[in-house]
Amino acid sequence: MSYLDPYLRWIHIIAGIVWIGHLYFFNFVNAPFQTTIGGDVKKAVNPELLPRALWWFRWGAAWTWITGVLMAMILFYHGRLALEGEASWSIAALVAILLTFGGFLVYDMLISSEAIGDVKIKYAVGFVLVVMVMLIMRWAGFSYRGTLIHVGAMFGTIMAFNVWFRIWPAQQKIITAVKNGEAPDAKLVALAGLRSRHNTYLSVPLLFTMINQHTVTAFPDSVPREVGLGIIILVGWHVVWQLYKRSGAVKGF
């Protein structure tokens, strides 16, 4: 098992760079650029450019997620790094793992629901749910590193789900419409854009969880991990908000 870890970690980092690099290209470079070109240029450029970029984008996501899960199985399950001290695997721990890898369903229902009209309230509810999951992880006997990596896995699973089951299907129809000289469905454009922005916001806290073992001294011992990591998530979201503001101000020659 120990021999597998460095190779999986290597592939994980390479795939993650490919994935997140394209995510930032789409959101901070391509999205502002698309507002500067007309329909004829989009018809000529986008059907050639975007399918290529989306190929790297979605397969980078797949390989990042797959290698991440395999590393978690080796280090955090087989190696027991997920658990604190003498804690043992229990029903509570299995519930925490289920919430980690099934959280994308809750996220998708929350974002798709029309019961909550205000999108800011949806995001607030989502944040509260993440903190609740972290509290369940503590109750289940997870260590600090175990909690951190499972929050990252939850975010990464949501992001990979968005790529493969929301963004890519929508983009296939959008690009086909543009290629045929037709106006793409506005709902699909909004859906793809929204889920891509969500992935961008989730990516910065996710990167903090990926440097897992290097963050054990990130907070004083007096600060509960849920509070510390909650602050990191909010700071990460603010950083992305600032990057979006900056991206709109960057101009070409």
C-alpha atoms as a PDB file:
ATOM      1  CA  MET A   1       0.000   0.000   0.000  1.00  0.00           C
ATOM      2  CA  SER A   2       2.778   2.451   0.889  1.00  0.00           C
ATOM      3  CA  TYR A   3       4.356   2.009  -2.558  1.00  0.00           C
ATOM      4  CA  LEU A   4       1.115   2.935  -4.307  1.00  0.00           C
ATOM      5  CA  ASP A   5       0.613   6.219  -2.460  1.00  0.00           C
ATOM      6  CA  PRO A   6       3.322   8.378  -4.126  1.00  0.00           C
ATOM      7  CA  TYR A   7       2.280   7.320  -7.620  1.00  0.00           C
ATOM      8  CA  LEU A   8      -1.394   7.948  -6.952  1.00  0.00           C
ATOM      9  CA  ARG A   9      -0.505  11.303  -5.364  1.00  0.00           C
ATOM     10  CA  TRP A  10       1.545  12.230  -8.449  1.00  0.00           C
ATOM     11  CA  ILE A  11      -1.314  11.401 -10.833  1.00  0.00           C
ATOM     12  CA  HIS A  12      -3.765  13.153  -8.487  1.00  0.00           C
ATOM     13  CA  ILE A  13      -1.780  16.395  -8.607  1.00  0.00           C
ATOM     14  CA  ILE A  14      -1.299  16.292 -12.388  1.00  0.00           C
ATOM     15  CA  ALA A  15      -4.977  15.600 -13.011  1.00  0.00           C
ATOM     16  CA  GLY A  16      -5.981  18.260 -10.470  1.00  0.00           C
ATOM     17  CA  ILE A  17      -3.862  20.889 -12.227  1.00  0.00           C
ATOM     18  CA  VAL A  18      -5.460  19.984 -15.566  1.00  0.00           C
ATOM     19  CA  TRP A  19      -8.952  20.147 -14.055  1.00  0.00           C
ATOM     20  CA  ILE A  20      -8.662  23.289 -11.947  1.00  0.00           C
ATOM     21  CA  GLY A  21      -6.546  25.028 -14.579  1.00  0.00           C
ATOM     22  CA  HIS A  22      -9.306  24.626 -17.135  1.00  0.00           C
ATOM     23  CA  LEU A  23     -11.936  25.580 -14.543  1.00  0.00           C
ATOM     24  CA  TYR A  24     -10.142  28.891 -13.957  1.00  0.00           C
ATOM     25  CA  PHE A  25      -9.649  29.388 -17.696  1.00  0.00           C
ATOM     26  CA  PHE A  26     -13.380  29.010 -18.293  1.00  0.00           C
ATOM     27  CA  ASN A  27     -14.386  31.340 -15.454  1.00  0.00           C
ATOM     28  CA  PHE A  28     -11.686  33.992 -15.332  1.00  0.00           C
ATOM     29  CA  VAL A  29     -10.591  34.120 -19.007  1.00  0.00           C
ATOM     30  CA  ASN A  30     -13.158  32.625 -21.372  1.00  0.00           C
ATOM     31  CA  ALA A  31     -16.339  33.933 -19.722  1.00  0.00           C
ATOM     32  CA  PRO A  32     -15.287  37.621 -19.930  1.00  0.00           C
ATOM     33  CA  PHE A  33     -13.854  37.020 -23.430  1.00  0.00           C
ATOM     34  CA  GLN A  34     -17.151  35.603 -24.721  1.00  0.00           C
ATOM     35  CA  THR A  35     -18.878  38.919 -23.993  1.00  0.00           C
ATOM     36  CA  THR A  36     -16.522  40.718 -26.392  1.00  0.00           C
ATOM     37  CA  ILE A  37     -17.176  38.638 -29.533  1.00  0.00           C
ATOM     38  CA  GLY A  38     -20.150  38.472 -31.862  1.00  0.00           C
ATOM     39  CA  GLY A  39     -22.255  35.558 -33.011  1.00  0.00           C
ATOM     40  CA  ASP A  40     -20.263  34.918 -36.185  1.00  0.00           C
ATOM     41  CA  VAL A  41     -17.005  34.674 -34.241  1.00  0.00           C
ATOM     42  CA  LYS A  42     -18.608  32.403 -31.647  1.00  0.00           C
ATOM     43  CA  LYS A  43     -19.908  30.168 -34.415  1.00  0.00           C
ATOM     44  CA  ALA A  44     -16.396  29.860 -35.874  1.00  0.00           C
ATOM     45  CA  VAL A  45     -14.401  29.638 -32.636  1.00  0.00           C
ATOM     46  CA  ASN A  46     -16.464  27.966 -29.923  1.00  0.00           C
ATOM     47  CA  PRO A  47     -17.296  24.644 -31.658  1.00  0.00           C
ATOM     48  CA  GLU A  48     -13.557  24.148 -32.219  1.00  0.00           C
ATOM     49  CA  LEU A  49     -12.188  25.543 -28.942  1.00  0.00           C
ATOM     50  CA  LEU A  50     -14.682  24.504 -26.264  1.00  0.00           C
ATOM     51  CA  PRO A  51     -15.012  20.755 -27.010  1.00  0.00           C
ATOM     52  CA  ARG A  52     -11.218  20.459 -26.798  1.00  0.00           C
ATOM     53  CA  ALA A  53     -11.059  22.369 -23.525  1.00  0.00           C
ATOM     54  CA  LEU A  54     -14.044  20.496 -22.091  1.00  0.00           C
ATOM     55  CA  TRP A  55     -12.411  17.158 -22.930  1.00  0.00           C
ATOM     56  CA  TRP A  56      -9.397  17.985 -20.738  1.00  0.00           C
ATOM     57  CA  PHE A  57     -11.710  19.559 -18.185  1.00  0.00           C
ATOM     58  CA  ARG A  58     -13.948  16.548 -17.616  1.00  0.00           C
ATOM     59  CA  TRP A  59     -11.237  13.886 -17.782  1.00  0.00           C
ATOM     60  CA  GLY A  60      -9.064  15.905 -15.432  1.00  0.00           C
ATOM     61  CA  ALA A  61     -12.032  15.899 -13.054  1.00  0.00           C
ATOM     62  CA  ALA A  62     -12.528  12.147 -13.414  1.00  0.00           C
ATOM     63  CA  TRP A  63      -8.906  11.229 -12.763  1.00  0.00           C
ATOM     64  CA  THR A  64      -8.609  13.674  -9.867  1.00  0.00           C
ATOM     65  CA  TRP A  65     -11.663  12.138  -8.206  1.00  0.00           C
ATOM     66  CA  ILE A  66     -10.672   8.517  -8.864  1.00  0.00           C
ATOM     67  CA  THR A  67      -7.107   8.888  -7.564  1.00  0.00           C
ATOM     68  CA  GLY A  68      -8.341  10.912  -4.601  1.00  0.00           C
ATOM     69  CA  VAL A  69     -10.740   8.143  -3.568  1.00  0.00           C
ATOM     70  CA  LEU A  70      -8.003   5.512  -3.970  1.00  0.00           C
ATOM     71  CA  MET A  71      -5.618   7.531  -1.789  1.00  0.00           C
ATOM     72  CA  ALA A  72      -8.327   7.962   0.839  1.00  0.00           C
ATOM     73  CA  MET A  73      -8.877   4.203   0.874  1.00  0.00           C
ATOM     74  CA  ILE A  74      -5.142   3.529   1.346  1.00  0.00           C
ATOM     75  CA  LEU A  75      -4.239   6.264   3.828  1.00  0.00           C
ATOM     76  CA  PHE A  76      -7.422   7.133   5.674  1.00  0.00           C
ATOM     77  CA  TYR A  77      -9.309   3.815   5.695  1.00  0.00           C
ATOM     78  CA  HIS A  78      -6.683   1.092   5.452  1.00  0.00           C
ATOM     79  CA  GLY A  79      -4.140   3.287   7.295  1.00  0.00           C
ATOM     80  CA  ARG A  80      -6.775   4.488   9.794  1.00  0.00           C
ATOM     81  CA  LEU A  81      -5.764   8.160   9.499  1.00  0.00           C
ATOM     82  CA  ALA A  82      -9.445   9.033   9.308  1.00  0.00           C
ATOM     83  CA  LEU A  83      -9.974   8.129  12.971  1.00  0.00           C
ATOM     84  CA  GLU A  84      -8.846   9.847  16.138  1.00  0.00           C
ATOM     85  CA  GLY A  85      -6.565   7.827  18.435  1.00  0.00           C
ATOM     86  CA  GLU A  86      -8.203   4.577  19.492  1.00  0.00           C
ATOM     87  CA  ALA A  87     -11.542   5.291  17.825  1.00  0.00           C
ATOM     88  CA  SER A  88     -12.915   2.381  15.840  1.00  0.00           C
ATOM     89  CA  TRP A  89     -15.019   2.080  12.723  1.00  0.00           C
ATOM     90  CA  SER A  90     -18.664   2.425  13.720  1.00  0.00           C
ATOM     91  CA  ILE A  91     -22.090   3.052  12.271  1.00  0.00           C
ATOM     92  CA  ALA A  92     -21.518   6.757  12.902  1.00  0.00           C
ATOM     93  CA  ALA A  93     -18.300   6.668  10.862  1.00  0.00           C
ATOM     94  CA  LEU A  94     -20.091   4.915   8.008  1.00  0.00           C
ATOM     95  CA  VAL A  95     -22.816   7.583   8.130  1.00  0.00           C
ATOM     96  CA  ALA A  96     -20.134  10.278   7.879  1.00  0.00           C
ATOM     97  CA  ILE A  97     -18.604   8.563   4.843  1.00  0.00           C
ATOM     98  CA  LEU A  98     -22.058   8.213   3.270  1.00  0.00           C
ATOM     99  CA  LEU A  99     -22.669  11.933   3.768  1.00  0.00           C
ATOM    100  CA  THR A 100     -19.266  12.665   2.237  1.00  0.00           C
ATOM    101  CA  PHE A 101     -19.858  10.812  -1.003  1.00  0.00           C
ATOM    102  CA  GLY A 102     -23.628  11.277  -1.134  1.00  0.00           C
ATOM    103  CA  GLY A 103     -23.632  14.969  -0.287  1.00  0.00           C
ATOM    104  CA  PHE A 104     -23.767  15.874  -3.980  1.00  0.00           C
ATOM    105  CA  LEU A 105     -27.395  14.674  -4.034  1.00  0.00           C
ATOM    106  CA  VAL A 106     -28.331  17.057  -1.212  1.00  0.00           C
ATOM    107  CA  TYR A 107     -26.436  19.877  -2.949  1.00  0.00           C
ATOM    108  CA  ASP A 108     -28.187  19.224  -6.265  1.00  0.00           C
ATOM    109  CA  MET A 109     -31.626  19.132  -4.658  1.00  0.00           C
ATOM    110  CA  LEU A 110     -30.919  22.329  -2.717  1.00  0.00           C
ATOM    111  CA  ILE A 111     -29.711  24.277  -5.742  1.00  0.00           C
ATOM    112  CA  SER A 112     -32.446  22.921  -8.031  1.00  0.00           C
ATOM    113  CA  SER A 113     -35.241  23.481  -5.522  1.00  0.00           C
ATOM    114  CA  GLU A 114     -37.687  26.309  -6.093  1.00  0.00           C
ATOM    115  CA  ALA A 115     -38.846  26.190  -2.471  1.00  0.00           C
ATOM    116  CA  ILE A 116     -36.116  28.690  -1.551  1.00  0.00           C
ATOM    117  CA  GLY A 117     -36.238  31.605  -3.955  1.00  0.00           C
ATOM    118  CA  ASP A 118     -33.322  33.643  -2.615  1.00  0.00           C
ATOM    119  CA  VAL A 119     -30.039  32.147  -3.857  1.00  0.00           C
ATOM    120  CA  LYS A 120     -28.110  33.694  -0.942  1.00  0.00           C
ATOM    121  CA  ILE A 121     -30.313  31.782   1.486  1.00  0.00           C
ATOM    122  CA  LYS A 122     -29.555  28.593  -0.440  1.00  0.00           C
ATOM    123  CA  TYR A 123     -25.820  29.226  -0.042  1.00  0.00           C
ATOM    124  CA  ALA A 124     -26.255  29.967   3.673  1.00  0.00           C
ATOM    125  CA  VAL A 125     -28.186  26.711   4.105  1.00  0.00           C
ATOM    126  CA  GLY A 126     -25.451  24.868   2.208  1.00  0.00           C
ATOM    127  CA  PHE A 127     -22.773  26.307   4.485  1.00  0.00           C
ATOM    128  CA  VAL A 128     -24.717  25.318   7.601  1.00  0.00           C
ATOM    129  CA  LEU A 129     -25.129  21.787   6.226  1.00  0.00           C
ATOM    130  CA  VAL A 130     -21.350  21.522   5.660  1.00  0.00           C
ATOM    131  CA  VAL A 131     -20.693  22.559   9.270  1.00  0.00           C
ATOM    132  CA  MET A 132     -23.265  19.999  10.453  1.00  0.00           C
ATOM    133  CA  VAL A 133     -21.470  17.280   8.494  1.00  0.00           C
ATOM    134  CA  MET A 134     -18.207  18.273  10.188  1.00  0.00           C
ATOM    135  CA  LEU A 135     -19.887  17.971  13.596  1.00  0.00           C
ATOM    136  CA  ILE A 136     -21.137  14.506  12.646  1.00  0.00           C
ATOM    137  CA  MET A 137     -17.563  13.582  11.693  1.00  0.00           C
ATOM    138  CA  ARG A 138     -16.323  14.639  15.138  1.00  0.00           C
ATOM    139  CA  TRP A 139     -19.120  12.599  16.745  1.00  0.00           C
ATOM    140  CA  ALA A 140     -18.051   9.653  14.571  1.00  0.00           C
ATOM    141  CA  GLY A 141     -14.507   9.842  15.980  1.00  0.00           C
ATOM    142  CA  PHE A 142     -12.817  11.350  12.931  1.00  0.00           C
ATOM    143  CA  SER A 143      -9.435  13.003  13.415  1.00  0.00           C
ATOM    144  CA  TYR A 144      -8.675  16.549  12.285  1.00  0.00           C
ATOM    145  CA  ARG A 145      -7.044  15.217   9.126  1.00  0.00           C
ATOM    146  CA  GLY A 146      -9.902  12.771   8.630  1.00  0.00           C
ATOM    147  CA  THR A 147     -12.453  15.567   8.859  1.00  0.00           C
ATOM    148  CA  LEU A 148     -10.448  17.769   6.514  1.00  0.00           C
ATOM    149  CA  ILE A 149     -10.001  15.153   3.799  1.00  0.00           C
ATOM    150  CA  HIS A 150     -13.654  14.136   3.911  1.00  0.00           C
ATOM    151  CA  VAL A 151     -14.849  17.729   3.556  1.00  0.00           C
ATOM    152  CA  GLY A 152     -12.503  17.983   0.571  1.00  0.00           C
ATOM    153  CA  ALA A 153     -13.848  14.719  -0.823  1.00  0.00           C
ATOM    154  CA  MET A 154     -17.399  16.015  -0.422  1.00  0.00           C
ATOM    155  CA  PHE A 155     -16.554  19.216  -2.308  1.00  0.00           C
ATOM    156  CA  GLY A 156     -14.619  17.286  -4.952  1.00  0.00           C
ATOM    157  CA  THR A 157     -17.500  14.856  -5.485  1.00  0.00           C
ATOM    158  CA  ILE A 158     -19.940  17.747  -5.898  1.00  0.00           C
ATOM    159  CA  MET A 159     -17.576  19.366  -8.400  1.00  0.00           C
ATOM    160  CA  ALA A 160     -17.041  16.167 -10.397  1.00  0.00           C
ATOM    161  CA  PHE A 161     -20.813  15.587 -10.441  1.00  0.00           C
ATOM    162  CA  ASN A 162     -21.339  19.098 -11.785  1.00  0.00           C
ATOM    163  CA  VAL A 163     -18.744  18.565 -14.511  1.00  0.00           C
ATOM    164  CA  TRP A 164     -20.085  15.264 -15.814  1.00  0.00           C
ATOM    165  CA  PHE A 165     -23.824  15.511 -15.168  1.00  0.00           C
ATOM    166  CA  ARG A 166     -24.652  19.213 -15.330  1.00  0.00           C
ATOM    167  CA  ILE A 167     -22.006  21.258 -17.177  1.00  0.00           C
ATOM    168  CA  TRP A 168     -20.967  18.809 -19.921  1.00  0.00           C
ATOM    169  CA  PRO A 169     -24.501  17.732 -21.001  1.00  0.00           C
ATOM    170  CA  ALA A 170     -25.576  21.393 -21.100  1.00  0.00           C
ATOM    171  CA  GLN A 171     -22.469  22.461 -23.031  1.00  0.00           C
ATOM    172  CA  GLN A 172     -22.983  19.736 -25.636  1.00  0.00           C
ATOM    173  CA  LYS A 173     -26.375  21.250 -26.497  1.00  0.00           C
ATOM    174  CA  ILE A 174     -25.105  24.838 -26.254  1.00  0.00           C
ATOM    175  CA  ILE A 175     -22.133  24.219 -28.561  1.00  0.00           C
ATOM    176  CA  THR A 176     -24.289  22.312 -31.056  1.00  0.00           C
ATOM    177  CA  ALA A 177     -26.749  25.215 -31.195  1.00  0.00           C
ATOM    178  CA  VAL A 178     -23.962  27.750 -31.725  1.00  0.00           C
ATOM    179  CA  LYS A 179     -22.420  25.600 -34.461  1.00  0.00           C
ATOM    180  CA  ASN A 180     -25.796  25.485 -36.248  1.00  0.00           C
ATOM    181  CA  GLY A 181     -26.167  29.247 -35.974  1.00  0.00           C
ATOM    182  CA  GLU A 182     -29.008  28.962 -33.473  1.00  0.00           C
ATOM    183  CA  ALA A 183     -29.495  30.717 -30.161  1.00  0.00           C
ATOM    184  CA  PRO A 184     -28.702  28.277 -27.328  1.00  0.00           C
ATOM    185  CA  ASP A 185     -31.313  27.582 -24.684  1.00  0.00           C
ATOM    186  CA  ALA A 186     -30.949  30.366 -22.103  1.00  0.00           C
ATOM    187  CA  LYS A 187     -31.780  27.956 -19.266  1.00  0.00           C
ATOM    188  CA  LEU A 188     -28.933  25.640 -20.287  1.00  0.00           C
ATOM    189  CA  VAL A 189     -26.511  28.570 -20.515  1.00  0.00           C
ATOM    190  CA  ALA A 190     -27.542  29.708 -17.042  1.00  0.00           C
ATOM    191  CA  LEU A 191     -27.285  26.174 -15.641  1.00  0.00           C
ATOM    192  CA  ALA A 192     -23.801  25.540 -17.039  1.00  0.00           C
ATOM    193  CA  GLY A 193     -22.591  28.948 -15.883  1.00  0.00           C
ATOM    194  CA  LEU A 194     -24.042  28.572 -12.392  1.00  0.00           C
ATOM    195  CA  ARG A 195     -22.575  25.112 -11.763  1.00  0.00           C
ATOM    196  CA  SER A 196     -19.208  26.227 -13.142  1.00  0.00           C
ATOM    197  CA  ARG A 197     -19.201  29.170 -10.728  1.00  0.00           C
ATOM    198  CA  HIS A 198     -20.111  26.846  -7.864  1.00  0.00           C
ATOM    199  CA  ASN A 199     -17.133  24.649  -8.756  1.00  0.00           C
ATOM    200  CA  THR A 200     -14.875  27.694  -8.776  1.00  0.00           C
ATOM    201  CA  TYR A 201     -16.044  28.728  -5.302  1.00  0.00           C
ATOM    202  CA  LEU A 202     -15.637  25.187  -3.960  1.00  0.00           C
ATOM    203  CA  SER A 203     -12.172  24.777  -5.485  1.00  0.00           C
ATOM    204  CA  VAL A 204     -10.295  27.165  -3.174  1.00  0.00           C
ATOM    205  CA  PRO A 205     -11.396  25.518   0.111  1.00  0.00           C
ATOM    206  CA  LEU A 206     -10.846  22.152  -1.606  1.00  0.00           C
ATOM    207  CA  LEU A 207      -7.201  23.040  -2.275  1.00  0.00           C
ATOM    208  CA  PHE A 208      -6.759  23.738   1.450  1.00  0.00           C
ATOM    209  CA  THR A 209      -8.016  20.254   2.285  1.00  0.00           C
ATOM    210  CA  MET A 210      -5.628  18.731  -0.292  1.00  0.00           C
ATOM    211  CA  ILE A 211      -2.581  20.006   1.646  1.00  0.00           C
ATOM    212  CA  ASN A 212      -4.062  18.042   4.534  1.00  0.00           C
ATOM    213  CA  GLN A 213      -1.047  17.110   6.675  1.00  0.00           C
ATOM    214  CA  HIS A 214       0.520  20.564   6.261  1.00  0.00           C
ATOM    215  CA  THR A 215      -2.415  22.314   7.966  1.00  0.00           C
ATOM    216  CA  VAL A 216      -2.363  20.613  11.366  1.00  0.00           C
ATOM    217  CA  THR A 217      -0.994  23.827  12.936  1.00  0.00           C
ATOM    218  CA  ALA A 218      -3.278  26.147  10.967  1.00  0.00           C
ATOM    219  CA  PHE A 219      -5.457  26.913  14.011  1.00  0.00           C
ATOM    220  CA  PRO A 220      -4.726  27.213  17.755  1.00  0.00           C
ATOM    221  CA  ASP A 221      -5.765  24.178  19.794  1.00  0.00           C
ATOM    222  CA  SER A 222      -8.464  26.298  21.432  1.00  0.00           C
ATOM    223  CA  VAL A 223     -10.240  26.760  18.091  1.00  0.00           C
ATOM    224  CA  PRO A 224     -12.614  23.886  17.230  1.00  0.00           C
ATOM    225  CA  ARG A 225     -11.801  22.385  13.834  1.00  0.00           C
ATOM    226  CA  GLU A 226     -15.339  23.101  12.614  1.00  0.00           C
ATOM    227  CA  VAL A 227     -14.878  26.805  13.355  1.00  0.00           C
ATOM    228  CA  GLY A 228     -11.408  26.956  11.818  1.00  0.00           C
ATOM    229  CA  LEU A 229     -12.361  25.101   8.666  1.00  0.00           C
ATOM    230  CA  GLY A 230     -15.613  27.064   8.419  1.00  0.00           C
ATOM    231  CA  ILE A 231     -13.574  30.282   8.422  1.00  0.00           C
ATOM    232  CA  ILE A 232     -11.252  28.854   5.746  1.00  0.00           C
ATOM    233  CA  ILE A 233     -14.265  28.045   3.555  1.00  0.00           C
ATOM    234  CA  LEU A 234     -15.692  31.559   3.923  1.00  0.00           C
ATOM    235  CA  VAL A 235     -12.302  33.183   3.272  1.00  0.00           C
ATOM    236  CA  GLY A 236     -11.872  30.953   0.210  1.00  0.00           C
ATOM    237  CA  TRP A 237     -15.253  32.028  -1.117  1.00  0.00           C
ATOM    238  CA  HIS A 238     -14.334  35.674  -0.607  1.00  0.00           C
ATOM    239  CA  VAL A 239     -11.060  35.148  -2.486  1.00  0.00           C
ATOM    240  CA  VAL A 240     -12.965  33.712  -5.451  1.00  0.00           C
ATOM    241  CA  TRP A 241     -15.399  36.643  -5.343  1.00  0.00           C
ATOM    242  CA  GLN A 242     -12.441  39.026  -5.567  1.00  0.00           C
ATOM    243  CA  LEU A 243     -10.963  37.030  -8.469  1.00  0.00           C
ATOM    244  CA  TYR A 244     -14.254  37.282 -10.358  1.00  0.00           C
ATOM    245  CA  LYS A 245     -14.213  41.065  -9.864  1.00  0.00           C
ATOM    246  CA  ARG A 246     -10.657  41.240 -11.172  1.00  0.00           C
ATOM    247  CA  SER A 247     -11.289  38.943 -14.147  1.00  0.00           C
ATOM    248  CA  GLY A 248     -13.900  41.309 -15.568  1.00  0.00           C
ATOM    249  CA  ALA A 249     -11.417  44.192 -15.482  1.00  0.00           C
ATOM    250  CA  VAL A 250      -8.631  42.410 -17.418  1.00  0.00           C
ATOM    251  CA  LYS A 251      -8.641  43.530 -21.049  1.00  0.00           C
ATOM    252  CA  GLY A 252      -6.955  42.414 -24.257  1.00  0.00           C
ATOM    253  CA  PHE A 253      -4.752  44.628 -26.393  1.00  0.00           C
END
